[in-house]
Amino acid sequence: MMAECGCAPHAVDDYILPVTENIKLADRIFWMTFAAPELARRAKAGNGVMVYASQGSDPMLGRPFAVADAESGKISICYMIIGRGTELLSKVQPGASLRVRGLIGAAYPDSAKELLLAAGGVGVGAVMLKKKERAKSASLYVGMPGRGCEALADKILSIHPDAKIYTDDGSFGEGNSMFNVLPRPLGEGRQLWCCGPPGFLDAMRLYYERTPRQLYYIIDKRMACGFGGCMGCVVETANGPKRVCVDGAMFRADEVDLHDD
């Protein structure tokens, strides 16, 4: 089904895709992979997909996720159980097929000489593909609770062996806080992109309050259509309301209101 509103920057189609992997990585966090040669070929960092938990009408709406990896004709998402739809997704077995809408979202704009990518928990899914695109000119920092998240850390390190893992309980990884090592100020030509829970983003904004123009948020929002028609994912910005699905999902931190709900 082609998007009819003309809002999306590229064709948005629905596919029936086989699930090749759906594994639990931590409490409520899963990794799902689809065989999707066309989407894998087209996917850029910043793109996402809407995944429908069943091929029927219950639940009616899809759930939006960033493409966390695209490789060898497959795409992967990293998701957290936060409601009935994601609970149903967590029970899908490899070999089953799901309806997937994509690609949604705009590719991230990128002008920085060096990128620092910082994620809290499941937010890592929104920055992993950018790390792959930029390779050694980007650094990936990931924070997670600690014990019980070993499989999540292993999955990240299997794709990005140079990722820096920080755990709240200090049980493994590089230490108990990425804030102990993130450079401040950021320096000329460097940007920091971050994705995670609101408390994590607020902490980043406070940490870089003197250089807010170099800090960018990648924002998660509920959405119904994924291609700009429903206005369900609007956020308030300094330049007026913007839709996360087609105008984002990346916004400069000092230009967006995270607490507009």
C-alpha atoms as a PDB file:
ATOM      1  CA  MET A   1       0.000   0.000   0.000  1.00  0.00           C
ATOM      2  CA  MET A   2       1.560   3.281  -1.055  1.00  0.00           C
ATOM      3  CA  ALA A   3       1.292   6.284   1.214  1.00  0.00           C
ATOM      4  CA  GLU A   4      -1.453   8.531  -0.186  1.00  0.00           C
ATOM      5  CA  CYS A   5      -0.802  11.839   1.586  1.00  0.00           C
ATOM      6  CA  GLY A   6       2.481  12.579  -0.182  1.00  0.00           C
ATOM      7  CA  CYS A   7       4.024  13.500   3.178  1.00  0.00           C
ATOM      8  CA  ALA A   8       6.746  10.893   3.379  1.00  0.00           C
ATOM      9  CA  PRO A   9      10.141  11.661   1.763  1.00  0.00           C
ATOM     10  CA  HIS A  10      10.136   8.278   0.059  1.00  0.00           C
ATOM     11  CA  ALA A  11       7.767   5.455  -0.837  1.00  0.00           C
ATOM     12  CA  VAL A  12       6.179   3.773   2.163  1.00  0.00           C
ATOM     13  CA  ASP A  13       4.876   0.293   1.483  1.00  0.00           C
ATOM     14  CA  ASP A  14       3.496  -2.571   3.512  1.00  0.00           C
ATOM     15  CA  TYR A  15       5.261  -5.927   3.364  1.00  0.00           C
ATOM     16  CA  ILE A  16       4.585  -9.364   4.797  1.00  0.00           C
ATOM     17  CA  LEU A  17       7.993 -10.357   6.140  1.00  0.00           C
ATOM     18  CA  PRO A  18       9.229 -13.571   7.781  1.00  0.00           C
ATOM     19  CA  VAL A  19      10.713 -13.253  11.243  1.00  0.00           C
ATOM     20  CA  THR A  20      14.106 -14.958  11.414  1.00  0.00           C
ATOM     21  CA  GLU A  21      14.992 -14.134  15.031  1.00  0.00           C
ATOM     22  CA  ASN A  22      13.149 -12.848  18.098  1.00  0.00           C
ATOM     23  CA  ILE A  23      15.276 -13.143  21.217  1.00  0.00           C
ATOM     24  CA  LYS A  24      15.100 -11.728  24.721  1.00  0.00           C
ATOM     25  CA  LEU A  25      18.143  -9.601  25.583  1.00  0.00           C
ATOM     26  CA  ALA A  26      17.114  -8.226  28.976  1.00  0.00           C
ATOM     27  CA  ASP A  27      14.044  -7.732  31.115  1.00  0.00           C
ATOM     28  CA  ARG A  28      11.392  -6.563  28.612  1.00  0.00           C
ATOM     29  CA  ILE A  29      13.991  -5.882  25.855  1.00  0.00           C
ATOM     30  CA  PHE A  30      13.995  -7.983  22.681  1.00  0.00           C
ATOM     31  CA  TRP A  31      15.784  -8.120  19.331  1.00  0.00           C
ATOM     32  CA  MET A  32      13.733  -9.036  16.251  1.00  0.00           C
ATOM     33  CA  THR A  33      15.117  -9.678  12.767  1.00  0.00           C
ATOM     34  CA  PHE A  34      13.189  -9.883   9.491  1.00  0.00           C
ATOM     35  CA  ALA A  35      14.228 -11.211   6.111  1.00  0.00           C
ATOM     36  CA  ALA A  36      13.731  -8.015   4.120  1.00  0.00           C
ATOM     37  CA  PRO A  37      16.104  -7.648   1.160  1.00  0.00           C
ATOM     38  CA  GLU A  38      14.514  -4.486  -0.266  1.00  0.00           C
ATOM     39  CA  LEU A  39      14.297  -2.665   3.060  1.00  0.00           C
ATOM     40  CA  ALA A  40      17.820  -3.719   4.016  1.00  0.00           C
ATOM     41  CA  ARG A  41      19.138  -2.309   0.753  1.00  0.00           C
ATOM     42  CA  ARG A  42      17.345   1.034   1.227  1.00  0.00           C
ATOM     43  CA  ALA A  43      17.666   1.562   4.982  1.00  0.00           C
ATOM     44  CA  LYS A  44      19.675   4.520   6.259  1.00  0.00           C
ATOM     45  CA  ALA A  45      20.288   5.596   9.829  1.00  0.00           C
ATOM     46  CA  GLY A  46      17.166   7.445  10.913  1.00  0.00           C
ATOM     47  CA  ASN A  47      14.763   5.188   9.046  1.00  0.00           C
ATOM     48  CA  GLY A  48      12.321   3.002  10.898  1.00  0.00           C
ATOM     49  CA  VAL A  49       9.492   0.565  10.356  1.00  0.00           C
ATOM     50  CA  MET A  50       5.981   0.090  11.698  1.00  0.00           C
ATOM     51  CA  VAL A  51       5.533  -3.490  12.861  1.00  0.00           C
ATOM     52  CA  TYR A  52       2.043  -4.952  13.262  1.00  0.00           C
ATOM     53  CA  ALA A  53       1.766  -7.571  15.961  1.00  0.00           C
ATOM     54  CA  SER A  54      -0.593  -9.655  13.852  1.00  0.00           C
ATOM     55  CA  GLN A  55      -1.782  -9.812  10.257  1.00  0.00           C
ATOM     56  CA  GLY A  56      -5.342  -9.255  11.475  1.00  0.00           C
ATOM     57  CA  SER A  57      -6.941  -6.093  12.848  1.00  0.00           C
ATOM     58  CA  ASP A  58      -6.203  -6.672  16.543  1.00  0.00           C
ATOM     59  CA  PRO A  59      -4.288  -4.672  17.503  1.00  0.00           C
ATOM     60  CA  MET A  60      -5.152  -2.330  14.661  1.00  0.00           C
ATOM     61  CA  LEU A  61      -2.122  -0.035  14.809  1.00  0.00           C
ATOM     62  CA  GLY A  62       1.505  -0.863  14.214  1.00  0.00           C
ATOM     63  CA  ARG A  63       4.343  -0.046  16.573  1.00  0.00           C
ATOM     64  CA  PRO A  64       7.180   2.183  15.310  1.00  0.00           C
ATOM     65  CA  PHE A  65      10.798   1.139  15.735  1.00  0.00           C
ATOM     66  CA  ALA A  66      14.117   2.412  14.416  1.00  0.00           C
ATOM     67  CA  VAL A  67      16.058   0.095  12.150  1.00  0.00           C
ATOM     68  CA  ALA A  68      18.880  -0.976  14.462  1.00  0.00           C
ATOM     69  CA  ASP A  69      20.779  -3.005  11.881  1.00  0.00           C
ATOM     70  CA  ALA A  70      20.595  -3.770   8.168  1.00  0.00           C
ATOM     71  CA  GLU A  71      22.834  -6.484   6.846  1.00  0.00           C
ATOM     72  CA  SER A  72      22.776  -9.385   4.371  1.00  0.00           C
ATOM     73  CA  GLY A  73      19.192  -8.848   3.269  1.00  0.00           C
ATOM     74  CA  LYS A  74      17.856  -8.540   6.814  1.00  0.00           C
ATOM     75  CA  ILE A  75      16.736  -5.712   9.080  1.00  0.00           C
ATOM     76  CA  SER A  76      16.598  -5.774  12.867  1.00  0.00           C
ATOM     77  CA  ILE A  77      14.811  -3.807  15.538  1.00  0.00           C
ATOM     78  CA  CYS A  78      15.458  -3.538  19.279  1.00  0.00           C
ATOM     79  CA  TYR A  79      12.237  -3.142  21.263  1.00  0.00           C
ATOM     80  CA  MET A  80      10.914  -3.005  24.800  1.00  0.00           C
ATOM     81  CA  ILE A  81       7.644  -4.457  26.070  1.00  0.00           C
ATOM     82  CA  ILE A  82       5.587  -1.452  27.140  1.00  0.00           C
ATOM     83  CA  GLY A  83       2.047  -2.558  26.278  1.00  0.00           C
ATOM     84  CA  ARG A  84      -0.127  -5.190  24.680  1.00  0.00           C
ATOM     85  CA  GLY A  85       1.263  -4.758  21.158  1.00  0.00           C
ATOM     86  CA  THR A  86       4.881  -5.243  22.146  1.00  0.00           C
ATOM     87  CA  GLU A  87       3.864  -8.040  24.513  1.00  0.00           C
ATOM     88  CA  LEU A  88       2.371  -9.841  21.509  1.00  0.00           C
ATOM     89  CA  LEU A  89       5.516  -9.174  19.477  1.00  0.00           C
ATOM     90  CA  SER A  90       7.645 -10.784  22.178  1.00  0.00           C
ATOM     91  CA  LYS A  91       5.759 -14.066  21.662  1.00  0.00           C
ATOM     92  CA  VAL A  92       6.268 -14.262  17.904  1.00  0.00           C
ATOM     93  CA  GLN A  93       8.305 -17.292  16.900  1.00  0.00           C
ATOM     94  CA  PRO A  94      10.898 -17.395  14.094  1.00  0.00           C
ATOM     95  CA  GLY A  95       9.230 -18.579  10.914  1.00  0.00           C
ATOM     96  CA  ALA A  96       6.098 -16.536  11.502  1.00  0.00           C
ATOM     97  CA  SER A  97       5.374 -13.587   9.211  1.00  0.00           C
ATOM     98  CA  LEU A  98       4.288 -10.090  10.220  1.00  0.00           C
ATOM     99  CA  ARG A  99       3.066  -7.003   8.404  1.00  0.00           C
ATOM    100  CA  VAL A 100       5.816  -4.367   8.311  1.00  0.00           C
ATOM    101  CA  ARG A 101       5.435  -0.818   6.957  1.00  0.00           C
ATOM    102  CA  GLY A 102       8.524   1.000   5.773  1.00  0.00           C
ATOM    103  CA  LEU A 103      10.618   2.702   5.458  1.00  0.00           C
ATOM    104  CA  ILE A 104       9.347   5.497   7.705  1.00  0.00           C
ATOM    105  CA  GLY A 105      11.310   8.459   9.034  1.00  0.00           C
ATOM    106  CA  ALA A 106      13.928  10.660   7.451  1.00  0.00           C
ATOM    107  CA  ALA A 107      17.592   9.750   7.278  1.00  0.00           C
ATOM    108  CA  TYR A 108      19.509  11.685   9.905  1.00  0.00           C
ATOM    109  CA  PRO A 109      21.182  14.875   8.642  1.00  0.00           C
ATOM    110  CA  ASP A 110      24.891  14.679   9.289  1.00  0.00           C
ATOM    111  CA  SER A 111      27.502  17.422   9.118  1.00  0.00           C
ATOM    112  CA  ALA A 112      29.666  16.723  12.159  1.00  0.00           C
ATOM    113  CA  LYS A 113      33.314  15.806  11.732  1.00  0.00           C
ATOM    114  CA  GLU A 114      33.023  13.486  14.712  1.00  0.00           C
ATOM    115  CA  LEU A 115      29.922  11.966  16.302  1.00  0.00           C
ATOM    116  CA  LEU A 116      29.364  10.815  19.824  1.00  0.00           C
ATOM    117  CA  LEU A 117      26.331   8.518  19.986  1.00  0.00           C
ATOM    118  CA  ALA A 118      24.899   8.012  23.456  1.00  0.00           C
ATOM    119  CA  ALA A 119      22.007   5.720  24.305  1.00  0.00           C
ATOM    120  CA  GLY A 120      20.125   4.622  27.352  1.00  0.00           C
ATOM    121  CA  GLY A 121      18.864   1.031  27.272  1.00  0.00           C
ATOM    122  CA  VAL A 122      16.635   0.191  24.332  1.00  0.00           C
ATOM    123  CA  GLY A 123      17.403   3.630  22.842  1.00  0.00           C
ATOM    124  CA  VAL A 124      20.531   2.062  21.400  1.00  0.00           C
ATOM    125  CA  GLY A 125      18.417   0.785  18.503  1.00  0.00           C
ATOM    126  CA  ALA A 126      18.097   4.322  17.152  1.00  0.00           C
ATOM    127  CA  VAL A 127      21.836   4.971  16.877  1.00  0.00           C
ATOM    128  CA  MET A 128      23.395   1.616  15.995  1.00  0.00           C
ATOM    129  CA  LEU A 129      22.940   2.002  12.244  1.00  0.00           C
ATOM    130  CA  LYS A 130      24.560   5.445  12.377  1.00  0.00           C
ATOM    131  CA  LYS A 131      27.546   3.951  14.143  1.00  0.00           C
ATOM    132  CA  LYS A 132      27.835   1.426  11.306  1.00  0.00           C
ATOM    133  CA  GLU A 133      27.648   4.169   8.657  1.00  0.00           C
ATOM    134  CA  ARG A 134      30.283   6.351  10.331  1.00  0.00           C
ATOM    135  CA  ALA A 135      32.522   3.530  11.588  1.00  0.00           C
ATOM    136  CA  LYS A 136      35.622   5.008  13.257  1.00  0.00           C
ATOM    137  CA  SER A 137      34.438   8.629  13.044  1.00  0.00           C
ATOM    138  CA  ALA A 138      31.685   7.861  15.555  1.00  0.00           C
ATOM    139  CA  SER A 139      31.837   6.547  19.111  1.00  0.00           C
ATOM    140  CA  LEU A 140      28.995   4.614  20.715  1.00  0.00           C
ATOM    141  CA  TYR A 141      28.259   4.889  24.448  1.00  0.00           C
ATOM    142  CA  VAL A 142      25.468   2.778  25.958  1.00  0.00           C
ATOM    143  CA  GLY A 143      24.076   2.853  29.486  1.00  0.00           C
ATOM    144  CA  MET A 144      22.063   0.010  30.994  1.00  0.00           C
ATOM    145  CA  PRO A 145      21.082  -1.223  34.474  1.00  0.00           C
ATOM    146  CA  GLY A 146      23.681  -3.995  34.780  1.00  0.00           C
ATOM    147  CA  ARG A 147      23.015  -7.585  35.872  1.00  0.00           C
ATOM    148  CA  GLY A 148      20.408  -9.129  33.627  1.00  0.00           C
ATOM    149  CA  CYS A 149      21.526  -7.051  30.630  1.00  0.00           C
ATOM    150  CA  GLU A 150      24.526  -9.176  29.642  1.00  0.00           C
ATOM    151  CA  ALA A 151      22.840 -10.475  26.483  1.00  0.00           C
ATOM    152  CA  LEU A 152      21.948  -6.917  25.441  1.00  0.00           C
ATOM    153  CA  ALA A 153      25.587  -5.884  25.841  1.00  0.00           C
ATOM    154  CA  ASP A 154      26.748  -8.964  23.931  1.00  0.00           C
ATOM    155  CA  LYS A 155      24.403  -8.195  21.012  1.00  0.00           C
ATOM    156  CA  ILE A 156      25.650  -4.594  20.791  1.00  0.00           C
ATOM    157  CA  LEU A 157      29.295  -5.676  20.987  1.00  0.00           C
ATOM    158  CA  SER A 158      28.769  -8.386  18.362  1.00  0.00           C
ATOM    159  CA  ILE A 159      27.881  -5.641  15.874  1.00  0.00           C
ATOM    160  CA  HIS A 160      30.068  -2.836  17.267  1.00  0.00           C
ATOM    161  CA  PRO A 161      33.031  -4.329  19.145  1.00  0.00           C
ATOM    162  CA  ASP A 162      34.327  -0.870  20.059  1.00  0.00           C
ATOM    163  CA  ALA A 163      31.078   0.232  21.772  1.00  0.00           C
ATOM    164  CA  LYS A 164      31.502   1.447  25.347  1.00  0.00           C
ATOM    165  CA  ILE A 165      29.048  -0.165  27.792  1.00  0.00           C
ATOM    166  CA  TYR A 166      28.261   1.427  31.163  1.00  0.00           C
ATOM    167  CA  THR A 167      26.184  -0.231  33.869  1.00  0.00           C
ATOM    168  CA  ASP A 168      24.400   1.432  36.772  1.00  0.00           C
ATOM    169  CA  ASP A 169      25.511  -1.325  39.152  1.00  0.00           C
ATOM    170  CA  GLY A 170      29.036  -1.497  37.712  1.00  0.00           C
ATOM    171  CA  SER A 171      28.746  -5.269  37.319  1.00  0.00           C
ATOM    172  CA  PHE A 172      30.374  -5.228  33.849  1.00  0.00           C
ATOM    173  CA  GLY A 173      31.433  -2.807  31.151  1.00  0.00           C
ATOM    174  CA  GLU A 174      33.550   0.323  31.300  1.00  0.00           C
ATOM    175  CA  GLY A 175      32.194   1.758  34.556  1.00  0.00           C
ATOM    176  CA  ASN A 176      28.997   2.950  36.177  1.00  0.00           C
ATOM    177  CA  SER A 177      28.382   6.131  34.193  1.00  0.00           C
ATOM    178  CA  MET A 178      29.216   7.448  30.751  1.00  0.00           C
ATOM    179  CA  PHE A 179      29.089  10.936  32.245  1.00  0.00           C
ATOM    180  CA  ASN A 180      32.473  10.211  33.795  1.00  0.00           C
ATOM    181  CA  VAL A 181      34.094  10.063  30.357  1.00  0.00           C
ATOM    182  CA  LEU A 182      31.978  12.070  27.897  1.00  0.00           C
ATOM    183  CA  PRO A 183      33.957  15.177  26.886  1.00  0.00           C
ATOM    184  CA  ARG A 184      32.691  18.535  28.055  1.00  0.00           C
ATOM    185  CA  PRO A 185      32.754  20.894  26.248  1.00  0.00           C
ATOM    186  CA  LEU A 186      32.312  18.877  23.079  1.00  0.00           C
ATOM    187  CA  GLY A 187      34.827  20.838  21.033  1.00  0.00           C
ATOM    188  CA  GLU A 188      34.798  22.193  17.497  1.00  0.00           C
ATOM    189  CA  GLY A 189      33.142  20.062  14.809  1.00  0.00           C
ATOM    190  CA  ARG A 190      31.826  17.460  17.202  1.00  0.00           C
ATOM    191  CA  GLN A 191      28.183  16.607  17.940  1.00  0.00           C
ATOM    192  CA  LEU A 192      26.488  14.331  20.444  1.00  0.00           C
ATOM    193  CA  TRP A 193      23.315  12.488  19.463  1.00  0.00           C
ATOM    194  CA  CYS A 194      21.366  10.748  22.172  1.00  0.00           C
ATOM    195  CA  CYS A 195      18.327   8.518  22.530  1.00  0.00           C
ATOM    196  CA  GLY A 196      16.778   7.047  25.636  1.00  0.00           C
ATOM    197  CA  PRO A 197      14.232   7.646  28.396  1.00  0.00           C
ATOM    198  CA  PRO A 198      13.252  11.256  29.223  1.00  0.00           C
ATOM    199  CA  GLY A 199      15.382  11.302  32.389  1.00  0.00           C
ATOM    200  CA  PHE A 200      18.451  10.321  30.364  1.00  0.00           C
ATOM    201  CA  LEU A 201      17.810  13.049  27.776  1.00  0.00           C
ATOM    202  CA  ASP A 202      17.233  15.626  30.514  1.00  0.00           C
ATOM    203  CA  ALA A 203      20.550  14.648  32.085  1.00  0.00           C
ATOM    204  CA  MET A 204      22.292  15.097  28.725  1.00  0.00           C
ATOM    205  CA  ARG A 205      20.763  18.533  28.290  1.00  0.00           C
ATOM    206  CA  LEU A 206      21.923  19.593  31.730  1.00  0.00           C
ATOM    207  CA  TYR A 207      25.393  18.160  31.130  1.00  0.00           C
ATOM    208  CA  TYR A 208      25.762  20.129  27.902  1.00  0.00           C
ATOM    209  CA  GLU A 209      23.843  23.247  28.908  1.00  0.00           C
ATOM    210  CA  ARG A 210      26.755  25.420  27.776  1.00  0.00           C
ATOM    211  CA  THR A 211      26.884  23.909  24.271  1.00  0.00           C
ATOM    212  CA  PRO A 212      23.239  23.079  23.502  1.00  0.00           C
ATOM    213  CA  ARG A 213      23.585  23.598  19.743  1.00  0.00           C
ATOM    214  CA  GLN A 214      25.842  20.542  19.500  1.00  0.00           C
ATOM    215  CA  LEU A 215      23.414  18.239  21.310  1.00  0.00           C
ATOM    216  CA  TYR A 216      20.702  16.375  19.391  1.00  0.00           C
ATOM    217  CA  TYR A 217      17.820  14.215  20.573  1.00  0.00           C
ATOM    218  CA  ILE A 218      16.411  11.229  18.720  1.00  0.00           C
ATOM    219  CA  ILE A 219      12.817  11.074  19.920  1.00  0.00           C
ATOM    220  CA  ASP A 220      10.447   8.165  20.370  1.00  0.00           C
ATOM    221  CA  LYS A 221       6.724   8.898  19.949  1.00  0.00           C
ATOM    222  CA  ARG A 222       3.626   6.838  19.482  1.00  0.00           C
ATOM    223  CA  MET A 223       2.289   7.095  15.920  1.00  0.00           C
ATOM    224  CA  ALA A 224      -0.603   5.627  13.996  1.00  0.00           C
ATOM    225  CA  CYS A 225       0.304   5.809  10.312  1.00  0.00           C
ATOM    226  CA  GLY A 226       4.065   6.397  10.172  1.00  0.00           C
ATOM    227  CA  PHE A 227       4.012   8.535   7.024  1.00  0.00           C
ATOM    228  CA  GLY A 228       2.802  11.949   8.184  1.00  0.00           C
ATOM    229  CA  GLY A 229      -0.950  11.709   7.732  1.00  0.00           C
ATOM    230  CA  CYS A 230      -2.344  11.159  11.231  1.00  0.00           C
ATOM    231  CA  MET A 231      -0.463  13.896  13.156  1.00  0.00           C
ATOM    232  CA  GLY A 232      -0.210  11.499  16.079  1.00  0.00           C
ATOM    233  CA  CYS A 233       3.488  12.043  16.724  1.00  0.00           C
ATOM    234  CA  VAL A 234       3.689  15.847  16.738  1.00  0.00           C
ATOM    235  CA  VAL A 235       6.216  17.515  19.040  1.00  0.00           C
ATOM    236  CA  GLU A 236       6.497  21.216  19.782  1.00  0.00           C
ATOM    237  CA  THR A 237       9.680  22.858  18.530  1.00  0.00           C
ATOM    238  CA  ALA A 238      11.087  26.350  18.216  1.00  0.00           C
ATOM    239  CA  ASN A 239      10.001  26.220  14.564  1.00  0.00           C
ATOM    240  CA  GLY A 240       6.442  25.100  15.301  1.00  0.00           C
ATOM    241  CA  PRO A 241       4.867  21.651  15.537  1.00  0.00           C
ATOM    242  CA  LYS A 242       6.846  18.879  13.834  1.00  0.00           C
ATOM    243  CA  ARG A 243       5.976  15.256  13.111  1.00  0.00           C
ATOM    244  CA  VAL A 244       8.509  12.770  14.434  1.00  0.00           C
ATOM    245  CA  CYS A 245       7.724  10.281  11.651  1.00  0.00           C
ATOM    246  CA  VAL A 246       8.636  12.512   8.699  1.00  0.00           C
ATOM    247  CA  ASP A 247      10.225  15.696  10.150  1.00  0.00           C
ATOM    248  CA  GLY A 248      12.407  13.844  12.685  1.00  0.00           C
ATOM    249  CA  ALA A 249      13.121  11.777  14.552  1.00  0.00           C
ATOM    250  CA  MET A 250      16.250  13.848  15.265  1.00  0.00           C
ATOM    251  CA  PHE A 251      15.905  17.351  16.683  1.00  0.00           C
ATOM    252  CA  ARG A 252      18.406  19.792  18.124  1.00  0.00           C
ATOM    253  CA  ALA A 253      18.013  19.620  21.898  1.00  0.00           C
ATOM    254  CA  ASP A 254      17.511  23.341  22.442  1.00  0.00           C
ATOM    255  CA  GLU A 255      14.786  23.495  19.761  1.00  0.00           C
ATOM    256  CA  VAL A 256      12.391  20.815  20.988  1.00  0.00           C
ATOM    257  CA  ASP A 257      10.117  20.542  24.004  1.00  0.00           C
ATOM    258  CA  LEU A 258      10.381  17.027  25.405  1.00  0.00           C
ATOM    259  CA  HIS A 259       7.622  17.614  27.910  1.00  0.00           C
ATOM    260  CA  ASP A 260       4.845  18.887  25.650  1.00  0.00           C
ATOM    261  CA  ASP A 261       2.459  15.981  26.347  1.00  0.00           C
END
